[in-house]
Amino acid sequence: MSSTIIIEKKICLEPIHLYYNLNDNLLKKTREVCKDECSKETGYILNVNKIVKIKDNYISNVNSSTIFIIDIEIESLIPYLNNIESLIIGLYSFIISLFFKDFSLQNVFIIGFIKHFLSGYFGLHNYYCKTNFNITGDYHFNLLIFESILEGIIFVLLFLLLQKPNNMFIVGFMLHILFEITGIHKYFCLSHLK
């Protein structure tokens, strides 16, 4: 899920960039340094919104560049395990499974398919990714069907890997956590940004 957070960063500016438009040059350099950066602490940095505060600066011992210690506001996709979301997805999977008599592999596939399809159709992906895609516009119906088929297959594989649990809550919960850990959610959200 995308969120706005403030982080501390050290940015090195060469002397030529200190005289004219210091703040603009510092923001530009910060955006270059942070582009496509991903860490456990910050997540995947989508954008550097602004410099919140210049906390300190000093001249580098190695060269004549100035190193700024700054607080910046970033837009980030957080790769941390979001236990509340995972619990909700587990509950959502459980509710869908209530409409099925047994957990044959075909039914497990259908549960996974329905879970993803309804999430896309009713816009739950917009909440997760903090974007606005829909099945009639950029987020095409065929893509939603394809992704739902993939999720159905993954549901079956995880169901078998977990040795056929008697509750779909566990499958939905574990799948959500696995998608967070492996970065599939991050990839999904980035690939659906407008």
C-alpha atoms as a PDB file:
ATOM      1  CA  MET A   1       0.000   0.000   0.000  1.00  0.00           C
ATOM      2  CA  SER A   2       1.257   3.453  -0.856  1.00  0.00           C
ATOM      3  CA  SER A   3       1.824   5.908   1.971  1.00  0.00           C
ATOM      4  CA  THR A   4       3.484   9.237   2.649  1.00  0.00           C
ATOM      5  CA  ILE A   5       6.293   9.137   5.172  1.00  0.00           C
ATOM      6  CA  ILE A   6       9.199  11.340   6.262  1.00  0.00           C
ATOM      7  CA  ILE A   7      12.704   9.892   6.233  1.00  0.00           C
ATOM      8  CA  GLU A   8      16.193  11.202   6.864  1.00  0.00           C
ATOM      9  CA  LYS A   9      18.700  11.200   4.015  1.00  0.00           C
ATOM     10  CA  LYS A  10      22.299  12.291   3.425  1.00  0.00           C
ATOM     11  CA  ILE A  11      22.704  14.059   0.084  1.00  0.00           C
ATOM     12  CA  CYS A  12      26.007  15.206  -1.386  1.00  0.00           C
ATOM     13  CA  LEU A  13      26.007  18.376  -3.528  1.00  0.00           C
ATOM     14  CA  GLU A  14      28.982  19.529  -5.577  1.00  0.00           C
ATOM     15  CA  PRO A  15      30.054  23.173  -5.033  1.00  0.00           C
ATOM     16  CA  ILE A  16      28.682  24.290  -8.413  1.00  0.00           C
ATOM     17  CA  HIS A  17      25.124  23.545  -7.186  1.00  0.00           C
ATOM     18  CA  LEU A  18      25.413  25.575  -3.962  1.00  0.00           C
ATOM     19  CA  TYR A  19      25.210  29.089  -5.357  1.00  0.00           C
ATOM     20  CA  TYR A  20      22.018  29.247  -7.376  1.00  0.00           C
ATOM     21  CA  ASN A  21      18.650  27.757  -6.366  1.00  0.00           C
ATOM     22  CA  LEU A  22      20.086  25.677  -3.546  1.00  0.00           C
ATOM     23  CA  ASN A  23      16.732  24.208  -2.495  1.00  0.00           C
ATOM     24  CA  ASP A  24      15.781  23.287  -6.076  1.00  0.00           C
ATOM     25  CA  ASN A  25      19.191  21.721  -6.703  1.00  0.00           C
ATOM     26  CA  LEU A  26      19.016  19.798  -3.439  1.00  0.00           C
ATOM     27  CA  LEU A  27      15.520  18.495  -4.249  1.00  0.00           C
ATOM     28  CA  LYS A  28      16.605  17.520  -7.777  1.00  0.00           C
ATOM     29  CA  LYS A  29      19.659  15.657  -6.461  1.00  0.00           C
ATOM     30  CA  THR A  30      17.542  13.952  -3.778  1.00  0.00           C
ATOM     31  CA  ARG A  31      15.095  12.729  -6.425  1.00  0.00           C
ATOM     32  CA  GLU A  32      17.992  11.356  -8.503  1.00  0.00           C
ATOM     33  CA  VAL A  33      19.511   9.556  -5.508  1.00  0.00           C
ATOM     34  CA  CYS A  34      16.186   8.103  -4.332  1.00  0.00           C
ATOM     35  CA  LYS A  35      14.878   7.049  -7.753  1.00  0.00           C
ATOM     36  CA  ASP A  36      13.884   3.355  -7.672  1.00  0.00           C
ATOM     37  CA  GLU A  37      15.356   2.948  -4.192  1.00  0.00           C
ATOM     38  CA  CYS A  38      13.860   0.172  -2.112  1.00  0.00           C
ATOM     39  CA  SER A  39      14.729  -0.796   1.446  1.00  0.00           C
ATOM     40  CA  LYS A  40      13.178  -2.616   4.353  1.00  0.00           C
ATOM     41  CA  GLU A  41      12.780   0.658   6.254  1.00  0.00           C
ATOM     42  CA  THR A  42      11.291   2.883   3.539  1.00  0.00           C
ATOM     43  CA  GLY A  43       9.724   0.493   1.054  1.00  0.00           C
ATOM     44  CA  TYR A  44       9.868   1.260  -2.672  1.00  0.00           C
ATOM     45  CA  ILE A  45      10.176   5.035  -3.142  1.00  0.00           C
ATOM     46  CA  LEU A  46       7.705   6.181  -5.786  1.00  0.00           C
ATOM     47  CA  ASN A  47       8.374   9.905  -5.449  1.00  0.00           C
ATOM     48  CA  VAL A  48      10.189  12.485  -3.332  1.00  0.00           C
ATOM     49  CA  ASN A  49       7.489  15.064  -2.632  1.00  0.00           C
ATOM     50  CA  LYS A  50       9.513  17.746  -0.850  1.00  0.00           C
ATOM     51  CA  ILE A  51      12.332  18.571   1.513  1.00  0.00           C
ATOM     52  CA  VAL A  52      10.816  19.014   4.956  1.00  0.00           C
ATOM     53  CA  LYS A  53      13.899  20.248   6.787  1.00  0.00           C
ATOM     54  CA  ILE A  54      17.633  20.731   6.297  1.00  0.00           C
ATOM     55  CA  LYS A  55      18.944  19.414   9.604  1.00  0.00           C
ATOM     56  CA  ASP A  56      22.673  19.859   9.127  1.00  0.00           C
ATOM     57  CA  ASN A  57      25.418  20.163   6.535  1.00  0.00           C
ATOM     58  CA  TYR A  58      29.183  19.772   6.432  1.00  0.00           C
ATOM     59  CA  ILE A  59      32.058  19.718   3.968  1.00  0.00           C
ATOM     60  CA  SER A  60      33.194  16.265   2.909  1.00  0.00           C
ATOM     61  CA  ASN A  61      36.680  15.158   3.961  1.00  0.00           C
ATOM     62  CA  VAL A  62      37.111  13.360   0.638  1.00  0.00           C
ATOM     63  CA  ASN A  63      36.335  16.242  -1.701  1.00  0.00           C
ATOM     64  CA  SER A  64      34.954  19.766  -1.511  1.00  0.00           C
ATOM     65  CA  SER A  65      31.328  18.682  -1.780  1.00  0.00           C
ATOM     66  CA  THR A  66      28.787  19.617   0.867  1.00  0.00           C
ATOM     67  CA  ILE A  67      26.836  16.842   2.524  1.00  0.00           C
ATOM     68  CA  PHE A  68      23.341  17.751   3.658  1.00  0.00           C
ATOM     69  CA  ILE A  69      21.415  15.810   6.264  1.00  0.00           C
ATOM     70  CA  ILE A  70      17.776  16.364   5.394  1.00  0.00           C
ATOM     71  CA  ASP A  71      14.303  15.141   6.217  1.00  0.00           C
ATOM     72  CA  ILE A  72      12.279  14.430   3.076  1.00  0.00           C
ATOM     73  CA  GLU A  73       8.665  13.540   2.471  1.00  0.00           C
ATOM     74  CA  ILE A  74       8.319  10.543   0.180  1.00  0.00           C
ATOM     75  CA  GLU A  75       5.517   8.546  -1.404  1.00  0.00           C
ATOM     76  CA  SER A  76       6.349   4.901  -0.844  1.00  0.00           C
ATOM     77  CA  LEU A  77       4.975   1.429  -1.424  1.00  0.00           C
ATOM     78  CA  ILE A  78       5.491  -0.259   1.920  1.00  0.00           C
ATOM     79  CA  PRO A  79       6.565  -3.906   1.609  1.00  0.00           C
ATOM     80  CA  TYR A  80       5.983  -4.654   5.281  1.00  0.00           C
ATOM     81  CA  LEU A  81       3.558  -7.317   6.320  1.00  0.00           C
ATOM     82  CA  ASN A  82       0.284  -5.609   6.903  1.00  0.00           C
ATOM     83  CA  ASN A  83      -1.349  -7.988   9.341  1.00  0.00           C
ATOM     84  CA  ILE A  84      -4.689  -6.174   9.397  1.00  0.00           C
ATOM     85  CA  GLU A  85      -4.992  -6.357   5.608  1.00  0.00           C
ATOM     86  CA  SER A  86      -3.944 -10.001   5.683  1.00  0.00           C
ATOM     87  CA  LEU A  87      -6.602 -10.744   8.296  1.00  0.00           C
ATOM     88  CA  ILE A  88      -9.236  -8.953   6.213  1.00  0.00           C
ATOM     89  CA  ILE A  89      -8.225 -10.880   3.078  1.00  0.00           C
ATOM     90  CA  GLY A  90      -8.338 -14.132   5.070  1.00  0.00           C
ATOM     91  CA  LEU A  91     -11.832 -13.277   6.311  1.00  0.00           C
ATOM     92  CA  TYR A  92     -12.911 -12.274   2.794  1.00  0.00           C
ATOM     93  CA  SER A  93     -11.672 -15.645   1.463  1.00  0.00           C
ATOM     94  CA  PHE A  94     -13.486 -17.448   4.285  1.00  0.00           C
ATOM     95  CA  ILE A  95     -16.778 -15.657   3.512  1.00  0.00           C
ATOM     96  CA  ILE A  96     -16.540 -16.597  -0.175  1.00  0.00           C
ATOM     97  CA  SER A  97     -15.834 -20.221   0.799  1.00  0.00           C
ATOM     98  CA  LEU A  98     -19.092 -20.388   2.797  1.00  0.00           C
ATOM     99  CA  PHE A  99     -20.946 -20.679  -0.524  1.00  0.00           C
ATOM    100  CA  PHE A 100     -19.213 -24.004  -1.286  1.00  0.00           C
ATOM    101  CA  LYS A 101     -20.093 -27.428   0.047  1.00  0.00           C
ATOM    102  CA  ASP A 102     -16.557 -28.842  -0.076  1.00  0.00           C
ATOM    103  CA  PHE A 103     -13.009 -27.860  -0.906  1.00  0.00           C
ATOM    104  CA  SER A 104     -12.393 -29.850  -4.062  1.00  0.00           C
ATOM    105  CA  LEU A 105      -9.542 -28.440  -6.150  1.00  0.00           C
ATOM    106  CA  GLN A 106     -12.092 -27.046  -8.596  1.00  0.00           C
ATOM    107  CA  ASN A 107     -13.905 -25.208  -5.803  1.00  0.00           C
ATOM    108  CA  VAL A 108     -10.651 -23.890  -4.344  1.00  0.00           C
ATOM    109  CA  PHE A 109      -9.753 -22.546  -7.798  1.00  0.00           C
ATOM    110  CA  ILE A 110     -13.167 -20.863  -8.057  1.00  0.00           C
ATOM    111  CA  ILE A 111     -12.779 -19.311  -4.577  1.00  0.00           C
ATOM    112  CA  GLY A 112      -9.410 -17.790  -5.580  1.00  0.00           C
ATOM    113  CA  PHE A 113     -10.837 -16.638  -8.909  1.00  0.00           C
ATOM    114  CA  ILE A 114     -13.870 -14.999  -7.287  1.00  0.00           C
ATOM    115  CA  LYS A 115     -11.722 -13.367  -4.599  1.00  0.00           C
ATOM    116  CA  HIS A 116      -9.542 -11.583  -7.138  1.00  0.00           C
ATOM    117  CA  PHE A 117     -12.295 -10.888  -9.650  1.00  0.00           C
ATOM    118  CA  LEU A 118     -14.648  -9.251  -7.143  1.00  0.00           C
ATOM    119  CA  SER A 119     -11.769  -7.222  -5.678  1.00  0.00           C
ATOM    120  CA  GLY A 120     -11.018  -5.813  -9.126  1.00  0.00           C
ATOM    121  CA  TYR A 121     -14.624  -5.408 -10.154  1.00  0.00           C
ATOM    122  CA  PHE A 122     -15.672  -3.526  -7.018  1.00  0.00           C
ATOM    123  CA  GLY A 123     -12.500  -1.413  -6.812  1.00  0.00           C
ATOM    124  CA  LEU A 124     -10.850  -2.935  -3.739  1.00  0.00           C
ATOM    125  CA  HIS A 125      -7.539  -2.844  -5.631  1.00  0.00           C
ATOM    126  CA  ASN A 126      -7.872   0.950  -5.707  1.00  0.00           C
ATOM    127  CA  TYR A 127      -7.772   0.975  -1.906  1.00  0.00           C
ATOM    128  CA  TYR A 128      -4.746  -1.305  -1.771  1.00  0.00           C
ATOM    129  CA  CYS A 129      -2.714   0.428  -4.485  1.00  0.00           C
ATOM    130  CA  LYS A 130      -3.917   4.000  -3.817  1.00  0.00           C
ATOM    131  CA  THR A 131      -4.698   4.466  -7.492  1.00  0.00           C
ATOM    132  CA  ASN A 132      -7.754   4.614  -9.703  1.00  0.00           C
ATOM    133  CA  PHE A 133      -8.048   1.828 -12.245  1.00  0.00           C
ATOM    134  CA  ASN A 134     -11.214   0.089 -13.316  1.00  0.00           C
ATOM    135  CA  ILE A 135     -12.310  -2.727 -15.572  1.00  0.00           C
ATOM    136  CA  THR A 136     -13.844  -0.467 -18.205  1.00  0.00           C
ATOM    137  CA  GLY A 137     -10.878   1.861 -18.643  1.00  0.00           C
ATOM    138  CA  ASP A 138      -7.178   1.210 -18.437  1.00  0.00           C
ATOM    139  CA  TYR A 139      -7.765  -1.842 -16.289  1.00  0.00           C
ATOM    140  CA  HIS A 140      -9.320  -4.017 -18.951  1.00  0.00           C
ATOM    141  CA  PHE A 141     -11.815  -6.764 -18.275  1.00  0.00           C
ATOM    142  CA  ASN A 142      -9.632  -9.358 -20.045  1.00  0.00           C
ATOM    143  CA  LEU A 143      -6.702  -8.535 -17.790  1.00  0.00           C
ATOM    144  CA  LEU A 144      -8.929  -8.910 -14.735  1.00  0.00           C
ATOM    145  CA  ILE A 145     -10.047 -12.348 -15.970  1.00  0.00           C
ATOM    146  CA  PHE A 146      -6.425 -13.399 -16.628  1.00  0.00           C
ATOM    147  CA  GLU A 147      -5.240 -12.220 -13.194  1.00  0.00           C
ATOM    148  CA  SER A 148      -8.216 -13.956 -11.542  1.00  0.00           C
ATOM    149  CA  ILE A 149      -7.310 -17.232 -13.284  1.00  0.00           C
ATOM    150  CA  LEU A 150      -3.731 -16.888 -12.029  1.00  0.00           C
ATOM    151  CA  GLU A 151      -4.944 -16.215  -8.502  1.00  0.00           C
ATOM    152  CA  GLY A 152      -7.223 -19.276  -8.708  1.00  0.00           C
ATOM    153  CA  ILE A 153      -4.250 -21.430  -9.712  1.00  0.00           C
ATOM    154  CA  ILE A 154      -2.094 -19.987  -6.933  1.00  0.00           C
ATOM    155  CA  PHE A 155      -4.930 -20.600  -4.463  1.00  0.00           C
ATOM    156  CA  VAL A 156      -4.967 -24.292  -5.453  1.00  0.00           C
ATOM    157  CA  LEU A 157      -1.165 -24.581  -5.182  1.00  0.00           C
ATOM    158  CA  LEU A 158      -1.100 -22.966  -1.737  1.00  0.00           C
ATOM    159  CA  PHE A 159      -4.064 -25.106  -0.648  1.00  0.00           C
ATOM    160  CA  LEU A 160      -2.087 -28.227  -1.596  1.00  0.00           C
ATOM    161  CA  LEU A 161       1.136 -26.889  -0.055  1.00  0.00           C
ATOM    162  CA  LEU A 162      -0.678 -26.263   3.235  1.00  0.00           C
ATOM    163  CA  GLN A 163      -1.895 -29.872   3.100  1.00  0.00           C
ATOM    164  CA  LYS A 164      -5.530 -29.075   2.388  1.00  0.00           C
ATOM    165  CA  PRO A 165      -6.555 -26.957   5.372  1.00  0.00           C
ATOM    166  CA  ASN A 166     -10.243 -27.083   6.262  1.00  0.00           C
ATOM    167  CA  ASN A 167     -10.552 -23.297   6.267  1.00  0.00           C
ATOM    168  CA  MET A 168     -10.046 -20.840   3.387  1.00  0.00           C
ATOM    169  CA  PHE A 169      -9.156 -18.115   5.889  1.00  0.00           C
ATOM    170  CA  ILE A 170      -5.700 -19.684   6.216  1.00  0.00           C
ATOM    171  CA  VAL A 171      -5.170 -19.810   2.442  1.00  0.00           C
ATOM    172  CA  GLY A 172      -6.266 -16.180   1.889  1.00  0.00           C
ATOM    173  CA  PHE A 173      -4.240 -14.957   4.877  1.00  0.00           C
ATOM    174  CA  MET A 174      -1.067 -16.829   3.872  1.00  0.00           C
ATOM    175  CA  LEU A 175      -1.383 -15.843   0.209  1.00  0.00           C
ATOM    176  CA  HIS A 176      -1.614 -12.172   1.117  1.00  0.00           C
ATOM    177  CA  ILE A 177       1.482 -12.402   3.308  1.00  0.00           C
ATOM    178  CA  LEU A 178       3.403 -14.325   0.623  1.00  0.00           C
ATOM    179  CA  PHE A 179       2.492 -11.702  -1.985  1.00  0.00           C
ATOM    180  CA  GLU A 180       3.837  -9.004   0.351  1.00  0.00           C
ATOM    181  CA  ILE A 181       7.089 -10.846   1.101  1.00  0.00           C
ATOM    182  CA  THR A 182       7.813 -11.741  -2.528  1.00  0.00           C
ATOM    183  CA  GLY A 183       6.992  -8.260  -3.846  1.00  0.00           C
ATOM    184  CA  ILE A 184       4.117  -9.444  -6.045  1.00  0.00           C
ATOM    185  CA  HIS A 185       1.798  -6.838  -4.512  1.00  0.00           C
ATOM    186  CA  LYS A 186       4.347  -4.102  -5.195  1.00  0.00           C
ATOM    187  CA  TYR A 187       4.707  -5.263  -8.802  1.00  0.00           C
ATOM    188  CA  PHE A 188       0.922  -5.491  -9.188  1.00  0.00           C
ATOM    189  CA  CYS A 189       0.407  -1.940  -7.926  1.00  0.00           C
ATOM    190  CA  LEU A 190       3.250  -0.478  -9.995  1.00  0.00           C
ATOM    191  CA  SER A 191       2.029  -2.179 -13.157  1.00  0.00           C
ATOM    192  CA  HIS A 192      -1.469  -0.735 -12.665  1.00  0.00           C
ATOM    193  CA  LEU A 193      -0.484   2.877 -11.931  1.00  0.00           C
ATOM    194  CA  LYS A 194      -1.787   5.399 -14.454  1.00  0.00           C
END
